Protein backbone atom coordinates (compact mmCIF):
# COMPACT_ATOMS: atom_id res chain seq x y z
CA MET A 1 0.00 0.00 0.00
CA THR A 2 1.24 3.46 -0.81
CA ILE A 3 1.11 6.33 1.67
CA SER A 4 -1.72 7.97 -0.26
CA GLN A 5 -3.72 4.72 -0.26
CA ILE A 6 -3.24 4.37 3.50
CA GLU A 7 -4.31 7.98 4.07
CA ALA A 8 -7.41 7.46 1.92
CA LYS A 9 -8.35 4.29 3.82
CA ILE A 10 -7.84 6.06 7.16
CA GLN A 11 -10.18 8.83 6.02
CA GLU A 12 -12.73 6.27 4.84
CA LEU A 13 -12.69 4.42 8.17
CA GLU A 14 -12.88 7.65 10.20
CA THR A 15 -15.92 8.69 8.17
CA TRP A 16 -17.48 5.26 8.71
CA LEU A 17 -17.01 5.61 12.48
CA ILE A 18 -18.72 9.01 12.44
CA ASP A 19 -21.59 7.69 10.32
CA ASN A 20 -22.02 4.47 12.35
CA PRO A 21 -21.46 5.34 16.02
CA HIS A 22 -23.37 2.36 17.43
CA ASN A 23 -22.49 -0.34 14.90
CA PRO A 24 -21.42 -3.67 16.47
CA GLN A 25 -18.36 -3.75 14.19
CA ARG A 26 -17.04 -0.47 15.60
CA ASN A 27 -14.28 -2.17 17.63
CA LEU A 28 -13.02 -3.98 14.54
CA ILE A 29 -12.97 -0.75 12.52
CA GLU A 30 -11.17 1.09 15.34
CA SER A 31 -8.57 -1.69 15.44
CA ASP A 32 -8.07 -1.52 11.67
CA LEU A 33 -7.77 2.25 11.90
CA LYS A 34 -5.11 2.00 14.61
CA ASN A 35 -3.16 -0.52 12.54
CA LEU A 36 -3.30 1.70 9.46
CA LYS A 37 -2.09 4.72 11.44
CA THR A 38 0.83 2.66 12.74
CA LEU A 39 1.64 1.49 9.21
CA LEU A 40 1.51 5.09 7.98
CA GLU A 41 3.94 6.19 10.71
CA GLN A 42 6.32 3.39 9.76
CA LYS A 43 6.21 4.32 6.07
CA ASN A 44 6.81 7.99 6.87
CA TYR A 45 10.04 7.04 8.64
CA GLU A 46 11.36 4.88 5.79
């Protein structure tokens, strides 16, 4: 994944969380979001 793809996916997941505050899959999405942010940080340091 490129940095721009990661940033786009982060934005998509953040929007999903805002639009679906009580969805049962919220914890999974939050976990994915955290992992993507970590991946983005790692790529920015490469």
